[in-house]
Amino acid sequence: MKIAVIGTGYVGLVTGTCFADTGNEVICVDNNQEKLTKMRNGEVPIYEPGLETIFHRSIREGRLVFTDNLAEAVQASQIIMMCLPTPPGADGQADLSFVLGVAEEIAGIITDYKVIVNKSTVPVGTADKVREVISAKTDVEFDVVSNPEFLREGAAVDDFMKPERVVIGTRSERATELMKMLYEPFVRSGNPIIFMDERSSEMTKYAANSFLATKITFMNEVANLCEKVGANVDNVRRGMGTDSRIGKRFLFAGIGYGGSCFPKDVQALDYTADQNGYSFEILKSVISVNDAQKMTLFQKIDKFYKGDLKGKNFGIWGLAFKPETDDVREAPALYIIKSLIDAGANVTAYDPEANETFKIGIGEAYASKIKFVKDQKTVLEAKDALIICTEWNEFRRPDFAKFEESMKSPVIFDGRNLFDLERMAATNITYISVGRESVNV
């Protein structure tokens, strides 16, 4: 099949590359000339495990090309996928200007039947708005389909190639058949393609992400209570997670969720509820608790040092909002490091992939005050404490003897509960984590 993918951000690039890898002819469209040059030269602009291999293969075999010519891509394709940004405004409302702007351009280009797919996460009713924009400018037949993505950063290629389900919103039989043909290679093991109306499809994406964000936030609340009553959140998690009605995933306590999806989608669904006269109280609590949770580790640090952080030297392990990605959007490390610097502390930081993106994400004023290093051991040298913000696998099995040798004082503030309490108790390291008793304090 011939597909145009408009927008080569995280979703667009993974989508286009994976479709190309299954034999489709894909044209990716972007207006960023620097990015286009890099991709044409075989450079993947994002870090995502497994993407580089199929990216290079698809380019080499001529199934994946890049252009800034929207008209050329649209005219050559039957299916047009809009993978455009929908950033949140100050009130949480999703900004649809990119989506509706491209829809208006498409209206002036199409000369034969096209399926126009909203792949971006968009509010309920967006398919109707896109349809109205295009219908106002052309009499050419087309269909608008909602096809939300459910990709986890760090596992996006596997999620796309082996989806648990594919959700497609359309009431058109013609579009249904084309979308079924497009996705059949990905569901050969029997996982479902779920067809529904467009509004239900749009709501499904927001509802799914908001529920997962709620699950994470609930567990963080449990962790905070565990600290008050002397319980161990790891034991509670195991006791809960073995209940099949609850499940094991998204029950790990920590310092809040971040990234490009959960914060934005929870806010957008809450905004939609408000606009329709409904107060979605659970979501309002999720937003409030998650904002507070990002600061709990800093509060523990501040309390430990009795409010005197000026001149203290802290090492940071992990800057990305989660492992296996270089995405730092809404990462807890942003909030923690800003607070440390504002309090007069010195910060040395390391992340396997996100050092450069973090410099951009935190802004030049703060980045200039951070020492970024290229390995995790250097972070420890002459530090008052180590702060762990991201649970990269390479952090899980350190040589604790090195901590005692390298650090000024061996103290760890662990926002991701990487280490076993019994093991830590056998060291001379002060260890403070989330939802568990502190060790060697």
Protein backbone atom coordinates (compact mmCIF):
# COMPACT_ATOMS: atom_id res chain seq x y z
CA MET A 1 0.00 0.00 0.00
CA LYS A 2 1.06 3.61 -0.53
CA ILE A 3 1.12 5.70 2.64
CA ALA A 4 1.99 9.31 3.43
CA VAL A 5 3.01 10.00 7.04
CA ILE A 6 2.82 13.69 7.86
CA GLY A 7 5.11 14.58 10.74
CA THR A 8 8.26 12.68 11.68
CA GLY A 9 8.20 13.13 15.42
CA TYR A 10 8.24 10.14 17.72
CA VAL A 11 4.92 8.67 16.56
CA GLY A 12 5.35 9.56 12.90
CA LEU A 13 8.83 8.14 12.49
CA VAL A 14 8.02 4.86 14.26
CA THR A 15 4.76 4.54 12.33
CA GLY A 16 6.30 5.25 8.94
CA THR A 17 9.30 2.99 9.49
CA CYS A 18 7.24 0.06 10.76
CA PHE A 19 4.77 0.29 7.88
CA ALA A 20 7.67 0.42 5.43
CA ASP A 21 9.27 -2.63 7.04
CA THR A 22 6.16 -4.68 6.23
CA GLY A 23 6.36 -3.93 2.51
CA ASN A 24 4.41 -0.69 2.14
CA GLU A 25 5.70 2.32 0.23
CA VAL A 26 5.94 5.16 2.74
CA ILE A 27 6.61 8.86 2.18
CA CYS A 28 7.37 10.77 5.38
CA VAL A 29 6.69 14.50 5.25
CA ASP A 30 8.32 17.12 7.46
CA ASN A 31 9.11 20.83 7.14
CA ASN A 32 12.27 20.65 9.26
CA GLN A 33 15.06 20.73 6.69
CA GLU A 34 17.81 19.83 9.15
CA LYS A 35 15.90 16.74 10.27
CA LEU A 36 15.13 15.75 6.67
CA THR A 37 18.81 15.95 5.76
CA LYS A 38 19.76 13.76 8.70
CA MET A 39 17.13 11.13 7.90
CA ARG A 40 18.05 11.04 4.22
CA ASN A 41 21.62 10.42 5.34
CA GLY A 42 20.49 7.48 7.45
CA GLU A 43 20.54 9.23 10.82
CA VAL A 44 17.68 8.40 13.21
CA PRO A 45 16.77 11.62 15.05
CA ILE A 46 15.36 9.89 18.16
CA TYR A 47 16.61 7.12 20.41
CA GLU A 48 14.31 4.10 20.29
CA PRO A 49 15.59 0.52 20.65
CA GLY A 50 15.22 -1.51 17.45
CA LEU A 51 14.25 1.43 15.25
CA GLU A 52 17.61 2.04 13.61
CA THR A 53 17.83 -1.43 12.07
CA ILE A 54 14.48 -1.34 10.27
CA PHE A 55 14.96 2.35 9.44
CA HIS A 56 18.16 1.60 7.52
CA ARG A 57 16.69 -1.50 5.89
CA SER A 58 13.58 0.33 4.67
CA ILE A 59 15.65 3.19 3.22
CA ARG A 60 18.06 0.78 1.55
CA GLU A 61 15.20 -1.12 -0.10
CA GLY A 62 13.51 2.09 -1.27
CA ARG A 63 10.31 1.73 0.77
CA LEU A 64 10.94 4.73 3.05
CA VAL A 65 11.62 8.21 1.68
CA PHE A 66 11.51 11.72 3.12
CA THR A 67 10.24 14.97 1.66
CA ASP A 68 9.01 18.45 2.50
CA ASN A 69 6.61 18.35 -0.44
CA LEU A 70 3.18 17.68 1.07
CA ALA A 71 1.36 17.78 -2.28
CA GLU A 72 3.68 15.20 -3.82
CA ALA A 73 3.25 12.83 -0.87
CA VAL A 74 -0.54 13.18 -0.70
CA GLN A 75 -1.05 12.71 -4.44
CA ALA A 76 1.11 9.57 -4.46
CA SER A 77 -0.65 7.91 -1.50
CA GLN A 78 -4.04 6.43 -0.77
CA ILE A 79 -3.72 6.55 3.01
CA ILE A 80 -2.55 9.79 4.65
CA MET A 81 -1.56 9.52 8.31
CA MET A 82 -1.41 12.73 10.32
CA CYS A 83 1.16 12.32 13.10
CA LEU A 84 1.24 15.92 14.19
CA PRO A 85 1.89 17.56 17.56
CA THR A 86 -1.08 18.48 19.75
CA PRO A 87 0.67 20.35 22.60
CA PRO A 88 -1.33 21.30 25.68
CA GLY A 89 -2.18 24.89 26.44
CA ALA A 90 -2.01 26.41 29.90
CA ASP A 91 -5.55 25.14 30.61
CA GLY A 92 -4.80 21.61 29.36
CA GLN A 93 -6.66 22.02 26.06
CA ALA A 94 -4.97 20.23 23.16
CA ASP A 95 -3.80 22.60 20.43
CA LEU A 96 -5.27 21.37 17.13
CA SER A 97 -3.79 24.08 14.94
CA PHE A 98 -1.25 21.74 13.33
CA VAL A 99 -3.84 19.05 12.63
CA LEU A 100 -6.48 21.39 11.22
CA GLY A 101 -3.90 23.41 9.29
CA VAL A 102 -2.61 20.32 7.50
CA ALA A 103 -6.19 19.14 6.91
CA GLU A 104 -6.90 22.42 5.13
CA GLU A 105 -3.80 21.96 2.96
CA ILE A 106 -4.83 18.40 2.09
CA ALA A 107 -8.24 19.67 0.99
CA GLY A 108 -6.57 21.75 -1.70
CA ILE A 109 -4.45 18.83 -2.93
CA ILE A 110 -6.60 15.71 -3.21
CA THR A 111 -8.04 14.80 -6.59
CA ASP A 112 -9.17 11.24 -5.86
CA TYR A 113 -10.36 9.17 -2.88
CA LYS A 114 -8.13 9.25 0.20
CA VAL A 115 -8.32 7.85 3.71
CA ILE A 116 -7.11 10.55 6.11
CA VAL A 117 -6.05 9.07 9.43
CA ASN A 118 -5.71 10.94 12.72
CA LYS A 119 -2.80 9.12 14.36
CA SER A 120 -2.13 11.97 16.77
CA THR A 121 -3.75 11.95 20.20
CA VAL A 122 -6.67 14.32 19.72
CA PRO A 123 -9.77 15.34 21.69
CA VAL A 124 -13.15 13.76 21.08
CA GLY A 125 -14.74 15.32 18.03
CA THR A 126 -11.51 16.05 16.15
CA ALA A 127 -12.36 13.67 13.28
CA ASP A 128 -15.55 15.67 12.76
CA LYS A 129 -13.58 18.92 12.71
CA VAL A 130 -11.10 17.55 10.18
CA ARG A 131 -13.97 16.33 8.02
CA GLU A 132 -15.61 19.76 8.14
CA VAL A 133 -12.38 21.57 7.22
CA ILE A 134 -11.76 19.35 4.20
CA SER A 135 -15.41 19.24 3.04
CA ALA A 136 -15.53 23.03 3.01
CA LYS A 137 -12.81 23.13 0.33
CA THR A 138 -13.37 20.08 -1.89
CA ASP A 139 -16.03 17.82 -3.33
CA VAL A 140 -13.56 14.95 -3.78
CA GLU A 141 -14.53 11.82 -1.89
CA PHE A 142 -12.53 11.05 1.28
CA ASP A 143 -12.89 9.44 4.69
CA VAL A 144 -11.49 10.54 8.04
CA VAL A 145 -10.42 7.76 10.41
CA SER A 146 -9.33 7.84 14.03
CA ASN A 147 -6.47 5.40 14.68
CA PRO A 148 -4.81 6.22 18.04
CA GLU A 149 -1.35 4.85 18.81
CA PHE A 150 -0.54 2.93 21.98
CA LEU A 151 3.25 2.97 21.81
CA ARG A 152 5.45 2.84 24.89
CA GLU A 153 8.66 4.81 24.53
CA GLY A 154 11.49 2.33 24.84
CA ALA A 155 9.36 -0.48 23.40
CA ALA A 156 7.62 1.30 20.53
CA VAL A 157 8.86 -0.89 17.66
CA ASP A 158 7.76 -4.08 19.41
CA ASP A 159 4.44 -2.48 20.37
CA PHE A 160 3.80 -1.47 16.75
CA MET A 161 4.86 -4.77 15.24
CA LYS A 162 3.00 -6.90 17.82
CA PRO A 163 0.10 -4.77 19.07
CA GLU A 164 -2.18 -6.07 21.80
CA ARG A 165 -4.98 -4.43 19.83
CA VAL A 166 -5.49 -1.94 17.04
CA VAL A 167 -8.27 0.60 17.54
CA ILE A 168 -9.84 2.10 14.43
CA GLY A 169 -12.66 4.62 14.44
CA THR A 170 -14.66 4.82 11.24
CA ARG A 171 -18.21 4.32 10.00
CA SER A 172 -17.13 3.95 6.38
CA GLU A 173 -17.12 0.43 4.91
CA ARG A 174 -14.56 1.48 2.29
CA ALA A 175 -12.18 2.88 4.89
CA THR A 176 -12.77 -0.16 7.10
CA GLU A 177 -11.58 -2.53 4.39
CA LEU A 178 -8.47 -0.48 3.62
CA MET A 179 -7.49 -0.14 7.28
CA LYS A 180 -8.07 -3.87 7.80
CA MET A 181 -5.73 -4.65 4.90
CA LEU A 182 -3.14 -2.25 6.28
CA TYR A 183 -3.05 -3.77 9.76
CA GLU A 184 -3.61 -7.48 9.04
CA PRO A 185 0.15 -8.26 8.90
CA PHE A 186 0.52 -7.01 12.47
CA VAL A 187 -2.24 -9.14 14.04
CA ARG A 188 -1.54 -12.56 12.56
CA SER A 189 -1.32 -14.06 16.07
CA GLY A 190 -4.98 -13.24 16.62
CA ASN A 191 -4.92 -9.97 18.55
CA PRO A 192 -7.95 -7.90 17.60
CA ILE A 193 -8.53 -4.99 15.27
CA ILE A 194 -11.33 -3.20 17.10
CA PHE A 195 -13.59 -1.09 14.90
CA MET A 196 -15.81 1.58 16.43
CA ASP A 197 -17.09 5.07 15.73
CA GLU A 198 -14.59 7.91 15.55
CA ARG A 199 -15.55 9.59 18.83
CA SER A 200 -15.28 6.36 20.81
CA SER A 201 -11.87 5.72 19.27
CA GLU A 202 -10.65 9.19 20.25
CA MET A 203 -11.98 8.70 23.79
CA THR A 204 -10.35 5.25 24.05
CA LYS A 205 -6.84 6.71 23.79
CA TYR A 206 -7.41 9.33 26.47
CA ALA A 207 -9.25 6.91 28.74
CA ALA A 208 -6.50 4.26 28.49
CA ASN A 209 -3.64 6.65 29.25
CA SER A 210 -5.55 8.38 32.03
CA PHE A 211 -6.35 5.05 33.67
CA LEU A 212 -2.68 4.01 33.61
CA ALA A 213 -1.67 7.40 35.01
CA THR A 214 -4.26 6.91 37.75
CA LYS A 215 -2.84 3.48 38.58
CA ILE A 216 0.68 4.90 38.91
CA THR A 217 -0.55 7.78 41.02
CA PHE A 218 -2.58 5.54 43.31
CA MET A 219 0.50 3.43 43.99
CA ASN A 220 2.53 6.53 44.78
CA GLU A 221 -0.11 7.55 47.30
CA VAL A 222 0.09 4.07 48.82
CA ALA A 223 3.89 4.44 49.01
CA ASN A 224 3.60 7.76 50.83
CA LEU A 225 1.24 6.17 53.35
CA CYS A 226 3.56 3.16 53.73
CA GLU A 227 6.29 5.51 54.94
CA LYS A 228 3.92 6.90 57.58
CA VAL A 229 2.80 3.52 58.94
CA GLY A 230 6.02 1.54 58.58
CA ALA A 231 4.91 -0.72 55.72
CA ASN A 232 7.02 -1.71 52.69
CA VAL A 233 5.49 -0.69 49.37
CA ASP A 234 7.35 -3.49 47.53
CA ASN A 235 5.52 -6.08 49.59
CA VAL A 236 2.22 -4.27 49.09
CA ARG A 237 2.83 -4.17 45.35
CA ARG A 238 3.44 -7.92 45.19
CA GLY A 239 0.34 -8.57 47.25
CA MET A 240 -1.78 -6.42 44.98
CA GLY A 241 -0.24 -7.32 41.65
CA THR A 242 -0.97 -11.04 41.90
CA ASP A 243 -4.69 -10.23 41.90
CA SER A 244 -5.69 -10.79 38.27
CA ARG A 245 -8.30 -8.04 38.54
CA ILE A 246 -5.50 -5.54 39.24
CA GLY A 247 -2.44 -6.92 37.42
CA LYS A 248 1.27 -6.43 38.01
CA ARG A 249 2.02 -3.54 35.68
CA PHE A 250 2.13 0.16 36.58
CA LEU A 251 2.29 -0.57 40.33
CA PHE A 252 5.88 0.50 40.96
CA ALA A 253 6.17 3.42 43.36
CA GLY A 254 8.42 6.30 42.41
CA ILE A 255 8.66 10.03 41.89
CA GLY A 256 5.82 10.54 39.46
CA TYR A 257 5.10 9.93 35.79
CA GLY A 258 6.36 12.14 32.97
CA GLY A 259 6.87 11.91 29.23
CA SER A 260 4.93 13.13 26.25
CA CYS A 261 1.68 11.20 26.80
CA PHE A 262 0.41 10.79 30.33
CA PRO A 263 0.68 14.41 31.55
CA LYS A 264 -0.76 15.83 28.33
CA ASP A 265 -3.53 13.27 27.93
CA VAL A 266 -4.74 13.43 31.52
CA GLN A 267 -4.94 17.22 31.29
CA ALA A 268 -6.72 17.07 27.95
CA LEU A 269 -9.36 14.60 29.17
CA ASP A 270 -9.92 16.71 32.28
CA TYR A 271 -10.34 19.78 30.05
CA THR A 272 -12.84 17.93 27.85
CA ALA A 273 -14.84 16.97 30.93
CA ASP A 274 -14.86 20.57 32.18
CA GLN A 275 -15.98 21.85 28.78
CA ASN A 276 -18.89 19.43 28.88
CA GLY A 277 -20.01 20.40 32.36
CA TYR A 278 -18.56 17.39 34.17
CA SER A 279 -16.01 17.60 37.00
CA PHE A 280 -13.73 14.57 36.60
CA GLU A 281 -12.59 14.48 40.22
CA ILE A 282 -10.31 11.44 39.93
CA LEU A 283 -8.31 13.08 37.14
CA LYS A 284 -8.03 16.35 39.04
CA SER A 285 -6.57 14.37 41.95
CA VAL A 286 -4.20 12.47 39.65
CA ILE A 287 -2.81 15.75 38.28
CA SER A 288 -2.42 17.25 41.74
CA VAL A 289 -0.83 14.18 43.32
CA ASN A 290 1.58 13.62 40.43
CA ASP A 291 2.75 17.23 40.53
CA ALA A 292 3.44 16.85 44.24
CA GLN A 293 5.08 13.43 43.86
CA LYS A 294 7.80 14.85 41.61
CA MET A 295 9.00 16.93 44.55
CA THR A 296 8.87 14.28 47.30
CA LEU A 297 12.47 13.20 46.77
CA PHE A 298 13.74 16.77 46.91
CA GLN A 299 11.79 17.25 50.13
CA LYS A 300 13.53 14.20 51.62
CA ILE A 301 16.91 15.59 50.57
CA ASP A 302 16.10 19.00 52.02
CA LYS A 303 14.93 17.43 55.28
CA PHE A 304 18.01 15.20 55.54
CA TYR A 305 20.31 18.21 55.28
CA LYS A 306 18.07 20.34 57.54
CA GLY A 307 17.34 22.86 54.81
CA ASP A 308 21.00 23.68 54.17
CA LEU A 309 21.84 22.56 50.60
CA LYS A 310 24.09 25.46 49.66
CA GLY A 311 27.46 24.18 48.45
CA LYS A 312 26.44 20.52 48.71
CA ASN A 313 27.56 18.32 45.80
CA PHE A 314 24.99 15.95 44.34
CA GLY A 315 25.33 13.31 41.65
CA ILE A 316 22.35 12.38 39.49
CA TRP A 317 21.79 9.01 37.83
CA GLY A 318 19.11 9.25 35.17
CA LEU A 319 17.56 12.26 33.43
CA ALA A 320 15.00 10.75 31.03
CA PHE A 321 11.45 10.31 32.29
CA LYS A 322 11.87 6.53 31.92
CA PRO A 323 14.60 4.12 30.76
CA GLU A 324 15.23 3.22 27.09
CA THR A 325 14.42 6.70 25.81
CA ASP A 326 16.06 10.11 25.55
CA ASP A 327 12.73 11.87 26.20
CA VAL A 328 12.89 14.28 29.14
CA ARG A 329 9.48 15.89 28.77
CA GLU A 330 7.95 16.32 32.24
CA ALA A 331 10.75 14.16 33.69
CA PRO A 332 10.95 14.31 37.50
CA ALA A 333 14.68 15.02 37.16
CA LEU A 334 13.82 18.45 35.72
CA TYR A 335 11.99 19.48 38.88
CA ILE A 336 14.48 17.93 41.30
CA ILE A 337 17.56 19.44 39.67
CA LYS A 338 16.01 22.89 39.32
CA SER A 339 15.17 22.81 43.03
CA LEU A 340 18.69 21.72 43.96
CA ILE A 341 20.28 24.49 41.91
CA ASP A 342 17.84 27.08 43.26
CA ALA A 343 18.88 25.98 46.76
CA GLY A 344 22.56 26.60 45.95
CA ALA A 345 23.65 22.98 45.43
CA ASN A 346 26.10 21.72 42.79
CA VAL A 347 24.91 19.04 40.38
CA THR A 348 26.77 16.46 38.29
CA ALA A 349 24.53 14.34 36.04
CA TYR A 350 24.63 11.28 33.83
CA ASP A 351 22.08 9.52 31.64
CA PRO A 352 22.91 6.83 29.05
CA GLU A 353 20.92 8.63 26.34
CA ALA A 354 19.40 11.87 27.59
CA ASN A 355 22.31 14.18 28.49
CA GLU A 356 21.86 16.29 25.35
CA THR A 357 18.06 16.37 25.33
CA PHE A 358 18.10 17.30 29.03
CA LYS A 359 20.26 20.35 28.31
CA ILE A 360 17.55 21.56 25.95
CA GLY A 361 14.67 20.52 28.20
CA ILE A 362 15.90 22.28 31.34
CA GLY A 363 16.99 25.42 29.51
CA GLU A 364 20.36 27.11 29.11
CA ALA A 365 20.22 29.01 32.41
CA TYR A 366 20.08 25.77 34.42
CA ALA A 367 22.06 23.58 32.00
CA SER A 368 25.05 25.89 32.31
CA LYS A 369 25.15 25.13 36.04
CA ILE A 370 25.12 21.34 35.63
CA LYS A 371 28.19 19.23 34.98
CA PHE A 372 27.22 16.50 32.51
CA VAL A 373 29.48 13.44 32.46
CA LYS A 374 29.71 10.36 30.23
CA ASP A 375 29.73 7.54 32.76
CA GLN A 376 27.97 6.69 35.99
CA LYS A 377 31.12 6.22 38.08
CA THR A 378 32.33 9.79 37.51
CA VAL A 379 29.08 11.02 39.03
CA LEU A 380 30.07 9.60 42.41
CA GLU A 381 33.40 11.35 42.83
CA ALA A 382 33.52 13.55 45.94
CA LYS A 383 29.74 13.78 46.21
CA ASP A 384 27.68 14.34 49.33
CA ALA A 385 24.92 12.14 47.91
CA LEU A 386 23.68 10.28 44.82
CA ILE A 387 20.14 10.85 43.56
CA ILE A 388 18.54 8.24 41.29
CA CYS A 389 15.80 9.59 39.01
CA THR A 390 15.55 6.96 36.23
CA GLU A 391 15.64 3.17 36.53
CA TRP A 392 18.11 2.31 33.75
CA ASN A 393 19.22 -1.32 33.97
CA GLU A 394 22.88 -0.36 34.15
CA PHE A 395 22.21 1.27 37.52
CA ARG A 396 20.77 -1.86 39.12
CA ARG A 397 23.97 -3.76 40.03
CA PRO A 398 26.62 -1.27 41.14
CA ASP A 399 29.73 -2.03 43.17
CA PHE A 400 28.74 -0.44 46.47
CA ALA A 401 32.33 -0.52 47.68
CA LYS A 402 33.03 2.13 45.03
CA PHE A 403 30.41 4.37 46.63
CA GLU A 404 32.23 4.32 49.94
CA GLU A 405 35.58 4.91 48.24
CA SER A 406 34.52 7.66 45.84
CA MET A 407 31.88 9.69 47.66
CA LYS A 408 32.51 12.33 50.27
CA SER A 409 29.72 10.72 52.29
CA PRO A 410 27.94 7.58 51.01
CA VAL A 411 24.26 8.60 50.82
CA ILE A 412 21.73 7.51 48.20
CA PHE A 413 18.31 9.03 47.57
CA ASP A 414 16.61 6.47 45.32
CA GLY A 415 13.48 7.70 43.53
CA ARG A 416 12.99 4.36 41.76
CA ASN A 417 13.58 1.77 44.52
CA LEU A 418 16.34 0.00 42.60
CA PHE A 419 18.05 -1.71 45.51
CA ASP A 420 17.07 -4.36 48.02
CA LEU A 421 16.80 -3.08 51.59
CA GLU A 422 18.59 -6.05 53.14
CA ARG A 423 21.51 -5.62 50.76
CA MET A 424 21.71 -1.93 51.53
CA ALA A 425 21.58 -2.60 55.27
CA ALA A 426 24.77 -4.67 54.91
CA THR A 427 26.64 -1.63 53.55
CA ASN A 428 27.74 1.59 55.22
CA ILE A 429 25.56 3.61 52.84
CA THR A 430 22.66 5.70 54.03
CA TYR A 431 19.82 4.67 51.75
CA ILE A 432 16.53 6.54 51.42
CA SER A 433 13.91 5.34 48.91
CA VAL A 434 10.15 5.60 48.26
CA GLY A 435 7.50 3.89 50.37
CA ARG A 436 10.05 1.89 52.37
CA GLU A 437 12.01 2.34 55.58
CA SER A 438 15.29 4.21 55.36
CA VAL A 439 18.49 2.26 55.98
CA ASN A 440 21.63 3.27 57.95
CA VAL A 441 20.25 6.72 58.73
